[in-house]
Amino acid sequence: MKRYHSLSTYLHRRFGGRVQKIPLDAGFSCPNRDGTLSRHGCIFCNEQGAGTGLFAQGYSLKQQWERWTTQLGPKYGTNMFLAYLQSYSNTYGPLARLKNTFDQLAGLPGLCGVCIGTRPDCLDQEKIQYLSSLPTQEVWLDLGLQSSHNTTLARINRGHTAEDFARATELASEHGLKVCAHLIMGLPGEGTDEFLESITFVNNLPIAGIKLHNMIVFKDTMLEKMWAKEEMRLPELAEYIEAVVFALEQLRPEIVVHRLGADCNLDELVAPMWALKKRPIMNGVNAMLKDLDSWQGKRLAPNSPMPEWFQTPRPEENRS
């Protein structure tokens, strides 16, 4: 039994079956890397920008799509996909570049929606109006915030404020775009209390989804240098699981939980080693919610039953 509103369940209800995300690298940059704001990036981000690197290897978006869908479609038994523009800030640059990028996605087989990774300071009225006109069934803005505390945002060299995030979220929502807020638990100078304050901040904005990440130290980052000097601490697995459970309890139940933990590979990881496996995080969160007889949003309405939309529909429900 699921006790939170997972992305897989949301998509199953929306499209009647499994929908798989396809990571795409469109070759965008970031104002926090190209010198507009900084050349160092966020302290936790390496120069690869959390993407596949396929654009630099000469793969077009169509070729990337074919590569991943032919591999992941049979693996997961689906022919429905979301295009996830993941690398760097995918609304950074002139509107003409955005249009050229999304023109390349038109007509891709199995495409039923797009998820666009970006920053709040890389959005404006014109770009949001354009994105809201895309001819796909789902358009998500994966919008990085990480923390609602401006002192923390300055400390991690984020280059924007919490107010910037709020303005971008409200504008996107006014135009019918779904915003997925990204938050990190364990940022330098923050603990569980600050993380939960950030949850409250986004919960009071018109977000439609959320990604929760555990703090990870990657190789070749500013954060690695801080870690080596013992200038910060990372939460233990049990501490992170407890923080996620508390966060889910105070999160509006209709918000779609896209992720409970961050992804990483052994060759890029410095610490913590428990971050290599996401299953213990998910199992731990589910077990704690069950032990507490709790669920997403329970603290907001303690006398209401657990929402029925947390559960994936049975096949007969999909046929009705």
C-alpha atoms as a PDB file:
ATOM      1  CA  MET A   1       0.000   0.000   0.000  1.00  0.00           C
ATOM      2  CA  LYS A   2       1.403   3.377  -1.013  1.00  0.00           C
ATOM      3  CA  ARG A   3       1.208   6.136   1.542  1.00  0.00           C
ATOM      4  CA  TYR A   4       2.242   9.015  -0.704  1.00  0.00           C
ATOM      5  CA  HIS A   5       1.309  10.300  -4.162  1.00  0.00           C
ATOM      6  CA  SER A   6       4.047   8.805  -6.325  1.00  0.00           C
ATOM      7  CA  LEU A   7       4.843   9.884  -9.881  1.00  0.00           C
ATOM      8  CA  SER A   8       4.389   6.346 -11.190  1.00  0.00           C
ATOM      9  CA  THR A   9       0.857   6.169  -9.789  1.00  0.00           C
ATOM     10  CA  TYR A  10      -0.008   9.650 -11.066  1.00  0.00           C
ATOM     11  CA  LEU A  11       1.151   8.775 -14.595  1.00  0.00           C
ATOM     12  CA  HIS A  12      -0.615   5.396 -14.482  1.00  0.00           C
ATOM     13  CA  ARG A  13      -3.863   7.134 -13.619  1.00  0.00           C
ATOM     14  CA  ARG A  14      -3.252   9.845 -16.210  1.00  0.00           C
ATOM     15  CA  PHE A  15      -2.368   7.586 -19.151  1.00  0.00           C
ATOM     16  CA  GLY A  16      -3.727   4.167 -18.185  1.00  0.00           C
ATOM     17  CA  GLY A  17      -0.358   2.423 -17.975  1.00  0.00           C
ATOM     18  CA  ARG A  18       3.335   2.777 -17.278  1.00  0.00           C
ATOM     19  CA  VAL A  19       5.065   5.907 -18.578  1.00  0.00           C
ATOM     20  CA  GLN A  20       8.863   5.986 -18.647  1.00  0.00           C
ATOM     21  CA  LYS A  21      11.051   9.085 -18.460  1.00  0.00           C
ATOM     22  CA  ILE A  22      13.682   9.469 -21.188  1.00  0.00           C
ATOM     23  CA  PRO A  23      16.707  11.666 -20.299  1.00  0.00           C
ATOM     24  CA  LEU A  24      17.678  14.080 -23.068  1.00  0.00           C
ATOM     25  CA  ASP A  25      20.685  16.360 -23.394  1.00  0.00           C
ATOM     26  CA  ALA A  26      19.931  19.395 -25.594  1.00  0.00           C
ATOM     27  CA  GLY A  27      23.290  21.097 -25.094  1.00  0.00           C
ATOM     28  CA  PHE A  28      22.093  23.989 -22.939  1.00  0.00           C
ATOM     29  CA  SER A  29      24.392  25.834 -20.539  1.00  0.00           C
ATOM     30  CA  CYS A  30      23.784  27.584 -17.218  1.00  0.00           C
ATOM     31  CA  PRO A  31      24.224  31.218 -16.124  1.00  0.00           C
ATOM     32  CA  ASN A  32      25.997  29.868 -13.066  1.00  0.00           C
ATOM     33  CA  ARG A  33      28.619  28.222 -15.288  1.00  0.00           C
ATOM     34  CA  ASP A  34      29.155  30.473 -18.305  1.00  0.00           C
ATOM     35  CA  GLY A  35      30.192  33.570 -16.353  1.00  0.00           C
ATOM     36  CA  THR A  36      26.867  35.411 -16.371  1.00  0.00           C
ATOM     37  CA  LEU A  37      26.496  34.776 -12.636  1.00  0.00           C
ATOM     38  CA  SER A  38      29.522  32.606 -11.906  1.00  0.00           C
ATOM     39  CA  ARG A  39      31.892  30.112 -13.471  1.00  0.00           C
ATOM     40  CA  HIS A  40      31.873  27.773 -10.479  1.00  0.00           C
ATOM     41  CA  GLY A  41      28.276  26.571 -10.491  1.00  0.00           C
ATOM     42  CA  CYS A  42      26.418  25.445  -7.383  1.00  0.00           C
ATOM     43  CA  ILE A  43      28.851  23.945  -4.893  1.00  0.00           C
ATOM     44  CA  PHE A  44      27.318  20.468  -5.279  1.00  0.00           C
ATOM     45  CA  CYS A  45      27.304  20.439  -9.093  1.00  0.00           C
ATOM     46  CA  ASN A  46      30.148  19.139 -11.248  1.00  0.00           C
ATOM     47  CA  GLU A  47      30.910  20.352 -14.758  1.00  0.00           C
ATOM     48  CA  GLN A  48      28.869  17.558 -16.369  1.00  0.00           C
ATOM     49  CA  GLY A  49      25.653  19.130 -15.103  1.00  0.00           C
ATOM     50  CA  ALA A  50      23.846  15.927 -14.020  1.00  0.00           C
ATOM     51  CA  GLY A  51      23.181  14.798 -17.588  1.00  0.00           C
ATOM     52  CA  THR A  52      24.092  12.020 -19.992  1.00  0.00           C
ATOM     53  CA  GLY A  53      26.668  13.981 -21.998  1.00  0.00           C
ATOM     54  CA  LEU A  54      25.250  12.575 -25.256  1.00  0.00           C
ATOM     55  CA  PHE A  55      24.897  15.983 -26.913  1.00  0.00           C
ATOM     56  CA  ALA A  56      28.655  16.550 -26.645  1.00  0.00           C
ATOM     57  CA  GLN A  57      29.151  13.116 -28.197  1.00  0.00           C
ATOM     58  CA  GLY A  58      27.222  14.207 -31.283  1.00  0.00           C
ATOM     59  CA  TYR A  59      23.836  12.599 -30.619  1.00  0.00           C
ATOM     60  CA  SER A  60      20.827  14.573 -31.835  1.00  0.00           C
ATOM     61  CA  LEU A  61      17.691  14.620 -29.684  1.00  0.00           C
ATOM     62  CA  LYS A  62      16.044  12.175 -32.097  1.00  0.00           C
ATOM     63  CA  GLN A  63      19.015   9.801 -31.862  1.00  0.00           C
ATOM     64  CA  GLN A  64      19.017  10.031 -28.063  1.00  0.00           C
ATOM     65  CA  TRP A  65      15.294   9.291 -28.061  1.00  0.00           C
ATOM     66  CA  GLU A  66      15.736   6.221 -30.263  1.00  0.00           C
ATOM     67  CA  ARG A  67      18.627   4.982 -28.134  1.00  0.00           C
ATOM     68  CA  TRP A  68      16.780   5.216 -24.837  1.00  0.00           C
ATOM     69  CA  THR A  69      13.265   4.209 -25.927  1.00  0.00           C
ATOM     70  CA  THR A  70      14.468   1.052 -27.696  1.00  0.00           C
ATOM     71  CA  GLN A  71      16.343   0.130 -24.527  1.00  0.00           C
ATOM     72  CA  LEU A  72      13.880   1.169 -21.817  1.00  0.00           C
ATOM     73  CA  GLY A  73      10.584   0.491 -23.615  1.00  0.00           C
ATOM     74  CA  PRO A  74      10.984  -3.303 -23.719  1.00  0.00           C
ATOM     75  CA  LYS A  75      12.638  -3.339 -20.291  1.00  0.00           C
ATOM     76  CA  TYR A  76       9.630  -1.730 -18.628  1.00  0.00           C
ATOM     77  CA  GLY A  77       6.949  -2.952 -21.013  1.00  0.00           C
ATOM     78  CA  THR A  78       5.729   0.414 -22.244  1.00  0.00           C
ATOM     79  CA  ASN A  79       5.488   2.526 -25.381  1.00  0.00           C
ATOM     80  CA  MET A  80       4.632   5.765 -23.546  1.00  0.00           C
ATOM     81  CA  PHE A  81       7.397   8.193 -22.630  1.00  0.00           C
ATOM     82  CA  LEU A  82       8.147  11.584 -21.089  1.00  0.00           C
ATOM     83  CA  ALA A  83      11.012  13.571 -22.614  1.00  0.00           C
ATOM     84  CA  TYR A  84      13.137  14.793 -19.691  1.00  0.00           C
ATOM     85  CA  LEU A  85      15.423  17.677 -20.697  1.00  0.00           C
ATOM     86  CA  GLN A  86      17.759  17.159 -17.788  1.00  0.00           C
ATOM     87  CA  SER A  87      21.217  18.621 -18.398  1.00  0.00           C
ATOM     88  CA  TYR A  88      21.864  22.141 -17.068  1.00  0.00           C
ATOM     89  CA  SER A  89      19.196  24.874 -17.512  1.00  0.00           C
ATOM     90  CA  ASN A  90      16.936  24.086 -20.449  1.00  0.00           C
ATOM     91  CA  THR A  91      15.235  27.479 -20.716  1.00  0.00           C
ATOM     92  CA  TYR A  92      18.512  29.422 -20.660  1.00  0.00           C
ATOM     93  CA  GLY A  93      19.061  31.426 -23.816  1.00  0.00           C
ATOM     94  CA  PRO A  94      16.911  33.159 -26.429  1.00  0.00           C
ATOM     95  CA  LEU A  95      13.364  32.041 -27.110  1.00  0.00           C
ATOM     96  CA  ALA A  96      14.377  31.008 -30.634  1.00  0.00           C
ATOM     97  CA  ARG A  97      16.644  28.334 -29.182  1.00  0.00           C
ATOM     98  CA  LEU A  98      13.842  26.958 -27.041  1.00  0.00           C
ATOM     99  CA  LYS A  99      11.585  26.773 -30.079  1.00  0.00           C
ATOM    100  CA  ASN A 100      14.253  24.976 -32.102  1.00  0.00           C
ATOM    101  CA  THR A 101      14.749  22.453 -29.299  1.00  0.00           C
ATOM    102  CA  PHE A 102      11.078  21.633 -28.882  1.00  0.00           C
ATOM    103  CA  ASP A 103      10.525  21.505 -32.634  1.00  0.00           C
ATOM    104  CA  GLN A 104      12.952  18.569 -32.611  1.00  0.00           C
ATOM    105  CA  LEU A 105      10.718  16.726 -30.150  1.00  0.00           C
ATOM    106  CA  ALA A 106       7.609  16.998 -32.306  1.00  0.00           C
ATOM    107  CA  GLY A 107       6.449  13.648 -33.635  1.00  0.00           C
ATOM    108  CA  LEU A 108       8.787  11.467 -31.583  1.00  0.00           C
ATOM    109  CA  PRO A 109       7.145   8.026 -31.239  1.00  0.00           C
ATOM    110  CA  GLY A 110       5.481   7.459 -27.897  1.00  0.00           C
ATOM    111  CA  LEU A 111       5.966  11.021 -26.642  1.00  0.00           C
ATOM    112  CA  CYS A 112       3.194  11.981 -24.223  1.00  0.00           C
ATOM    113  CA  GLY A 113       4.797  14.837 -22.310  1.00  0.00           C
ATOM    114  CA  VAL A 114       7.921  16.801 -21.442  1.00  0.00           C
ATOM    115  CA  CYS A 115       9.775  17.597 -18.224  1.00  0.00           C
ATOM    116  CA  ILE A 116      12.072  20.613 -18.429  1.00  0.00           C
ATOM    117  CA  GLY A 117      14.905  21.007 -15.962  1.00  0.00           C
ATOM    118  CA  THR A 118      15.711  24.671 -15.361  1.00  0.00           C
ATOM    119  CA  ARG A 119      16.224  27.531 -12.894  1.00  0.00           C
ATOM    120  CA  PRO A 120      13.708  30.179 -11.791  1.00  0.00           C
ATOM    121  CA  ASP A 121      15.927  32.982 -13.076  1.00  0.00           C
ATOM    122  CA  CYS A 122      15.906  31.444 -16.575  1.00  0.00           C
ATOM    123  CA  LEU A 123      12.177  31.952 -17.051  1.00  0.00           C
ATOM    124  CA  ASP A 124      10.132  34.953 -18.083  1.00  0.00           C
ATOM    125  CA  GLN A 125       6.620  35.720 -19.322  1.00  0.00           C
ATOM    126  CA  GLU A 126       7.478  35.084 -22.979  1.00  0.00           C
ATOM    127  CA  LYS A 127       9.142  31.724 -22.371  1.00  0.00           C
ATOM    128  CA  ILE A 128       6.419  30.514 -20.044  1.00  0.00           C
ATOM    129  CA  GLN A 129       3.716  31.482 -22.533  1.00  0.00           C
ATOM    130  CA  TYR A 130       5.560  29.515 -25.217  1.00  0.00           C
ATOM    131  CA  LEU A 131       6.028  26.434 -23.028  1.00  0.00           C
ATOM    132  CA  SER A 132       2.343  26.495 -22.084  1.00  0.00           C
ATOM    133  CA  SER A 133       1.491  26.216 -25.793  1.00  0.00           C
ATOM    134  CA  LEU A 134       3.477  23.027 -26.404  1.00  0.00           C
ATOM    135  CA  PRO A 135       1.245  20.374 -28.051  1.00  0.00           C
ATOM    136  CA  THR A 136       1.858  17.636 -25.488  1.00  0.00           C
ATOM    137  CA  GLN A 137      -0.441  16.222 -22.838  1.00  0.00           C
ATOM    138  CA  GLU A 138       1.916  16.955 -19.940  1.00  0.00           C
ATOM    139  CA  VAL A 139       4.363  19.831 -19.460  1.00  0.00           C
ATOM    140  CA  TRP A 140       6.368  19.877 -16.223  1.00  0.00           C
ATOM    141  CA  LEU A 141       8.919  22.465 -15.150  1.00  0.00           C
ATOM    142  CA  ASP A 142      11.549  20.785 -12.978  1.00  0.00           C
ATOM    143  CA  LEU A 143      12.466  23.922 -11.080  1.00  0.00           C
ATOM    144  CA  GLY A 144      15.492  23.941  -8.807  1.00  0.00           C
ATOM    145  CA  LEU A 145      15.127  25.650  -5.443  1.00  0.00           C
ATOM    146  CA  GLN A 146      17.111  23.396  -3.046  1.00  0.00           C
ATOM    147  CA  SER A 147      16.361  25.604  -0.012  1.00  0.00           C
ATOM    148  CA  SER A 148      13.939  28.398   0.875  1.00  0.00           C
ATOM    149  CA  HIS A 149      16.637  30.104   2.977  1.00  0.00           C
ATOM    150  CA  ASN A 150      18.440  32.854   1.099  1.00  0.00           C
ATOM    151  CA  THR A 151      21.467  32.580   3.380  1.00  0.00           C
ATOM    152  CA  THR A 152      21.797  28.942   2.313  1.00  0.00           C
ATOM    153  CA  LEU A 153      21.274  29.785  -1.361  1.00  0.00           C
ATOM    154  CA  ALA A 154      24.119  32.287  -1.121  1.00  0.00           C
ATOM    155  CA  ARG A 155      26.286  29.766   0.735  1.00  0.00           C
ATOM    156  CA  ILE A 156      25.849  27.140  -1.997  1.00  0.00           C
ATOM    157  CA  ASN A 157      26.411  29.718  -4.765  1.00  0.00           C
ATOM    158  CA  ARG A 158      22.960  29.165  -6.181  1.00  0.00           C
ATOM    159  CA  GLY A 159      22.694  32.575  -7.831  1.00  0.00           C
ATOM    160  CA  HIS A 160      18.984  33.231  -7.213  1.00  0.00           C
ATOM    161  CA  THR A 161      16.664  33.780  -4.262  1.00  0.00           C
ATOM    162  CA  ALA A 162      13.655  31.983  -2.843  1.00  0.00           C
ATOM    163  CA  GLU A 163      11.571  34.942  -3.998  1.00  0.00           C
ATOM    164  CA  ASP A 164      12.745  34.305  -7.571  1.00  0.00           C
ATOM    165  CA  PHE A 165      11.471  30.746  -7.262  1.00  0.00           C
ATOM    166  CA  ALA A 166       8.108  31.896  -5.897  1.00  0.00           C
ATOM    167  CA  ARG A 167       7.603  34.388  -8.735  1.00  0.00           C
ATOM    168  CA  ALA A 168       8.494  31.820 -11.415  1.00  0.00           C
ATOM    169  CA  THR A 169       6.222  29.201  -9.828  1.00  0.00           C
ATOM    170  CA  GLU A 170       3.238  31.524  -9.622  1.00  0.00           C
ATOM    171  CA  LEU A 171       3.701  32.705 -13.216  1.00  0.00           C
ATOM    172  CA  ALA A 172       4.032  29.153 -14.510  1.00  0.00           C
ATOM    173  CA  SER A 173       0.949  28.027 -12.602  1.00  0.00           C
ATOM    174  CA  GLU A 174      -1.065  30.943 -14.010  1.00  0.00           C
ATOM    175  CA  HIS A 175      -0.280  29.603 -17.488  1.00  0.00           C
ATOM    176  CA  GLY A 176      -1.213  26.014 -16.689  1.00  0.00           C
ATOM    177  CA  LEU A 177       2.300  24.609 -16.325  1.00  0.00           C
ATOM    178  CA  LYS A 178       3.036  22.045 -13.629  1.00  0.00           C
ATOM    179  CA  VAL A 179       5.988  22.951 -11.404  1.00  0.00           C
ATOM    180  CA  CYS A 180       8.064  20.254  -9.716  1.00  0.00           C
ATOM    181  CA  ALA A 181      10.115  21.832  -6.918  1.00  0.00           C
ATOM    182  CA  HIS A 182      13.561  20.407  -6.093  1.00  0.00           C
ATOM    183  CA  LEU A 183      14.711  20.435  -2.459  1.00  0.00           C
ATOM    184  CA  ILE A 184      17.848  19.032  -0.786  1.00  0.00           C
ATOM    185  CA  MET A 185      18.035  17.786   2.797  1.00  0.00           C
ATOM    186  CA  GLY A 186      21.458  18.193   4.422  1.00  0.00           C
ATOM    187  CA  LEU A 187      22.770  21.329   2.710  1.00  0.00           C
ATOM    188  CA  PRO A 188      25.754  22.968   4.455  1.00  0.00           C
ATOM    189  CA  GLY A 189      24.524  24.862   7.494  1.00  0.00           C
ATOM    190  CA  GLU A 190      21.101  23.190   7.442  1.00  0.00           C
ATOM    191  CA  GLY A 191      19.474  20.356   9.357  1.00  0.00           C
ATOM    192  CA  THR A 192      16.033  18.800   9.498  1.00  0.00           C
ATOM    193  CA  ASP A 193      14.364  21.963  10.822  1.00  0.00           C
ATOM    194  CA  GLU A 194      15.533  24.088   7.893  1.00  0.00           C
ATOM    195  CA  PHE A 195      14.573  21.354   5.432  1.00  0.00           C
ATOM    196  CA  LEU A 196      11.037  21.219   6.834  1.00  0.00           C
ATOM    197  CA  GLU A 197      10.800  25.007   6.662  1.00  0.00           C
ATOM    198  CA  SER A 198      11.585  24.718   2.943  1.00  0.00           C
ATOM    199  CA  ILE A 199       8.833  22.105   2.625  1.00  0.00           C
ATOM    200  CA  THR A 200       6.381  24.564   4.197  1.00  0.00           C
ATOM    201  CA  PHE A 201       7.560  27.291   1.819  1.00  0.00           C
ATOM    202  CA  VAL A 202       6.885  25.273  -1.365  1.00  0.00           C
ATOM    203  CA  ASN A 203       3.730  23.748   0.103  1.00  0.00           C
ATOM    204  CA  ASN A 204       2.269  27.258   0.225  1.00  0.00           C
ATOM    205  CA  LEU A 205       3.032  27.836  -3.461  1.00  0.00           C
ATOM    206  CA  PRO A 206       1.102  26.392  -6.439  1.00  0.00           C
ATOM    207  CA  ILE A 207       3.539  23.540  -7.053  1.00  0.00           C
ATOM    208  CA  ALA A 208       2.196  20.315  -8.557  1.00  0.00           C
ATOM    209  CA  GLY A 209       5.158  18.071  -7.777  1.00  0.00           C
ATOM    210  CA  ILE A 210       8.292  17.744  -5.680  1.00  0.00           C
ATOM    211  CA  LYS A 211      11.670  16.022  -5.815  1.00  0.00           C
ATOM    212  CA  LEU A 212      13.423  15.342  -2.526  1.00  0.00           C
ATOM    213  CA  HIS A 213      17.180  14.805  -2.611  1.00  0.00           C
ATOM    214  CA  ASN A 214      19.674  13.693  -0.003  1.00  0.00           C
ATOM    215  CA  MET A 215      22.875  15.765   0.047  1.00  0.00           C
ATOM    216  CA  ILE A 216      25.581  14.027  -1.993  1.00  0.00           C
ATOM    217  CA  VAL A 217      29.226  14.971  -2.335  1.00  0.00           C
ATOM    218  CA  PHE A 218      30.341  14.481  -5.937  1.00  0.00           C
ATOM    219  CA  LYS A 219      33.910  14.416  -7.169  1.00  0.00           C
ATOM    220  CA  ASP A 220      35.401  17.603  -8.611  1.00  0.00           C
ATOM    221  CA  THR A 221      32.990  19.960  -6.852  1.00  0.00           C
ATOM    222  CA  MET A 222      33.387  22.794  -4.394  1.00  0.00           C
ATOM    223  CA  LEU A 223      31.436  20.674  -1.929  1.00  0.00           C
ATOM    224  CA  GLU A 224      34.130  17.975  -2.102  1.00  0.00           C
ATOM    225  CA  LYS A 225      36.676  20.504  -0.866  1.00  0.00           C
ATOM    226  CA  MET A 226      34.393  21.480   2.023  1.00  0.00           C
ATOM    227  CA  TRP A 227      33.908  17.803   2.876  1.00  0.00           C
ATOM    228  CA  ALA A 228      37.648  17.151   2.845  1.00  0.00           C
ATOM    229  CA  LYS A 229      38.159  20.044   5.295  1.00  0.00           C
ATOM    230  CA  GLU A 230      35.341  18.743   7.529  1.00  0.00           C
ATOM    231  CA  GLU A 231      33.436  22.003   7.093  1.00  0.00           C
ATOM    232  CA  MET A 232      30.096  20.192   6.822  1.00  0.00           C
ATOM    233  CA  ARG A 233      28.328  17.014   7.861  1.00  0.00           C
ATOM    234  CA  LEU A 234      26.026  14.723   5.936  1.00  0.00           C
ATOM    235  CA  PRO A 235      22.869  13.158   7.384  1.00  0.00           C
ATOM    236  CA  GLU A 236      22.886   9.441   8.093  1.00  0.00           C
ATOM    237  CA  LEU A 237      20.401   7.251   6.238  1.00  0.00           C
ATOM    238  CA  ALA A 238      18.058   6.951   9.244  1.00  0.00           C
ATOM    239  CA  GLU A 239      18.129  10.738   9.732  1.00  0.00           C
ATOM    240  CA  TYR A 240      17.279  11.332   6.096  1.00  0.00           C
ATOM    241  CA  ILE A 241      14.410   8.821   6.121  1.00  0.00           C
ATOM    242  CA  GLU A 242      12.910  10.463   9.210  1.00  0.00           C
ATOM    243  CA  ALA A 243      13.169  13.922   7.621  1.00  0.00           C
ATOM    244  CA  VAL A 244      11.437  12.695   4.445  1.00  0.00           C
ATOM    245  CA  VAL A 245       8.611  11.140   6.454  1.00  0.00           C
ATOM    246  CA  PHE A 246       8.078  14.382   8.387  1.00  0.00           C
ATOM    247  CA  ALA A 247       8.142  16.283   5.092  1.00  0.00           C
ATOM    248  CA  LEU A 248       5.550  14.022   3.468  1.00  0.00           C
ATOM    249  CA  GLU A 249       3.238  14.298   6.460  1.00  0.00           C
ATOM    250  CA  GLN A 250       3.004  18.082   6.038  1.00  0.00           C
ATOM    251  CA  LEU A 251       2.904  18.089   2.237  1.00  0.00           C
ATOM    252  CA  ARG A 252      -0.404  18.651   0.424  1.00  0.00           C
ATOM    253  CA  PRO A 253      -1.636  15.174  -0.628  1.00  0.00           C
ATOM    254  CA  GLU A 254      -2.339  16.136  -4.242  1.00  0.00           C
ATOM    255  CA  ILE A 255       1.327  17.073  -4.828  1.00  0.00           C
ATOM    256  CA  VAL A 256       3.048  14.405  -6.930  1.00  0.00           C
ATOM    257  CA  VAL A 257       6.242  13.023  -5.374  1.00  0.00           C
ATOM    258  CA  HIS A 258       8.656  12.569  -8.266  1.00  0.00           C
ATOM    259  CA  ARG A 259      11.581  11.362  -6.169  1.00  0.00           C
ATOM    260  CA  LEU A 260      12.495  10.446  -2.604  1.00  0.00           C
ATOM    261  CA  GLY A 261      16.264  10.344  -3.063  1.00  0.00           C
ATOM    262  CA  ALA A 262      19.034  11.475  -5.367  1.00  0.00           C
ATOM    263  CA  ASP A 263      20.710   9.425  -8.111  1.00  0.00           C
ATOM    264  CA  CYS A 264      24.458   8.893  -8.297  1.00  0.00           C
ATOM    265  CA  ASN A 265      27.087   6.544  -9.689  1.00  0.00           C
ATOM    266  CA  LEU A 266      30.027   5.003  -7.852  1.00  0.00           C
ATOM    267  CA  ASP A 267      32.585   6.638 -10.144  1.00  0.00           C
ATOM    268  CA  GLU A 268      31.371  10.147  -9.219  1.00  0.00           C
ATOM    269  CA  LEU A 269      30.507   9.618  -5.547  1.00  0.00           C
ATOM    270  CA  VAL A 270      32.585  10.819  -2.602  1.00  0.00           C
ATOM    271  CA  ALA A 271      30.007  10.482   0.213  1.00  0.00           C
ATOM    272  CA  PRO A 272      27.768   9.118   1.651  1.00  0.00           C
ATOM    273  CA  MET A 273      28.082   5.556   0.401  1.00  0.00           C
ATOM    274  CA  TRP A 274      24.479   4.757   1.333  1.00  0.00           C
ATOM    275  CA  ALA A 275      23.402   7.118  -1.466  1.00  0.00           C
ATOM    276  CA  LEU A 276      24.314   4.482  -4.065  1.00  0.00           C
ATOM    277  CA  LYS A 277      21.098   2.568  -3.394  1.00  0.00           C
ATOM    278  CA  LYS A 278      17.657   4.180  -3.524  1.00  0.00           C
ATOM    279  CA  ARG A 279      15.703   1.088  -2.478  1.00  0.00           C
ATOM    280  CA  PRO A 280      16.653   1.343   1.239  1.00  0.00           C
ATOM    281  CA  ILE A 281      15.414   4.955   1.211  1.00  0.00           C
ATOM    282  CA  MET A 282      12.039   4.030  -0.297  1.00  0.00           C
ATOM    283  CA  ASN A 283      11.662   0.955   1.903  1.00  0.00           C
ATOM    284  CA  GLY A 284      12.608   2.938   4.995  1.00  0.00           C
ATOM    285  CA  VAL A 285      10.143   5.733   4.235  1.00  0.00           C
ATOM    286  CA  ASN A 286       7.313   3.298   3.526  1.00  0.00           C
ATOM    287  CA  ALA A 287       8.063   1.287   6.676  1.00  0.00           C
ATOM    288  CA  MET A 288       8.135   4.357   8.906  1.00  0.00           C
ATOM    289  CA  LEU A 289       4.901   5.730   7.453  1.00  0.00           C
ATOM    290  CA  LYS A 290       3.263   2.357   8.066  1.00  0.00           C
ATOM    291  CA  ASP A 291       4.583   2.135  11.637  1.00  0.00           C
ATOM    292  CA  LEU A 292       3.223   5.612  12.361  1.00  0.00           C
ATOM    293  CA  ASP A 293      -0.033   4.871  10.526  1.00  0.00           C
ATOM    294  CA  SER A 294       0.685   8.058   8.605  1.00  0.00           C
ATOM    295  CA  TRP A 295       0.737   9.290   5.009  1.00  0.00           C
ATOM    296  CA  GLN A 296       1.346  12.331   2.840  1.00  0.00           C
ATOM    297  CA  GLY A 297      -0.660  15.254   4.145  1.00  0.00           C
ATOM    298  CA  LYS A 298      -1.882  13.633   7.353  1.00  0.00           C
ATOM    299  CA  ARG A 299      -0.728  16.506   9.549  1.00  0.00           C
ATOM    300  CA  LEU A 300      -2.834  18.868   7.430  1.00  0.00           C
ATOM    301  CA  ALA A 301      -6.018  16.822   7.917  1.00  0.00           C
ATOM    302  CA  PRO A 302      -5.460  14.326  10.758  1.00  0.00           C
ATOM    303  CA  ASN A 303      -9.103  13.199  10.847  1.00  0.00           C
ATOM    304  CA  SER A 304      -9.406  12.490   7.115  1.00  0.00           C
ATOM    305  CA  PRO A 305      -8.741   9.062   5.568  1.00  0.00           C
ATOM    306  CA  MET A 306      -5.736   8.346   3.396  1.00  0.00           C
ATOM    307  CA  PRO A 307      -6.467   9.573  -0.183  1.00  0.00           C
ATOM    308  CA  GLU A 308      -7.493   6.864  -2.625  1.00  0.00           C
ATOM    309  CA  TRP A 309      -5.382   8.316  -5.433  1.00  0.00           C
ATOM    310  CA  PHE A 310      -2.189   7.123  -3.722  1.00  0.00           C
ATOM    311  CA  GLN A 311      -2.921   3.640  -5.087  1.00  0.00           C
ATOM    312  CA  THR A 312      -2.268   2.538  -8.675  1.00  0.00           C
ATOM    313  CA  PRO A 313      -5.579   1.640 -10.393  1.00  0.00           C
ATOM    314  CA  ARG A 314      -6.315  -2.004 -11.122  1.00  0.00           C
ATOM    315  CA  PRO A 315      -6.543  -3.016 -14.799  1.00  0.00           C
ATOM    316  CA  GLU A 316     -10.321  -3.091 -14.724  1.00  0.00           C
ATOM    317  CA  GLU A 317     -10.355   0.518 -13.477  1.00  0.00           C
ATOM    318  CA  ASN A 318      -8.280   1.597 -16.470  1.00  0.00           C
ATOM    319  CA  ARG A 319     -10.805   0.087 -18.890  1.00  0.00           C
ATOM    320  CA  SER A 320     -13.751   1.978 -17.449  1.00  0.00           C
END
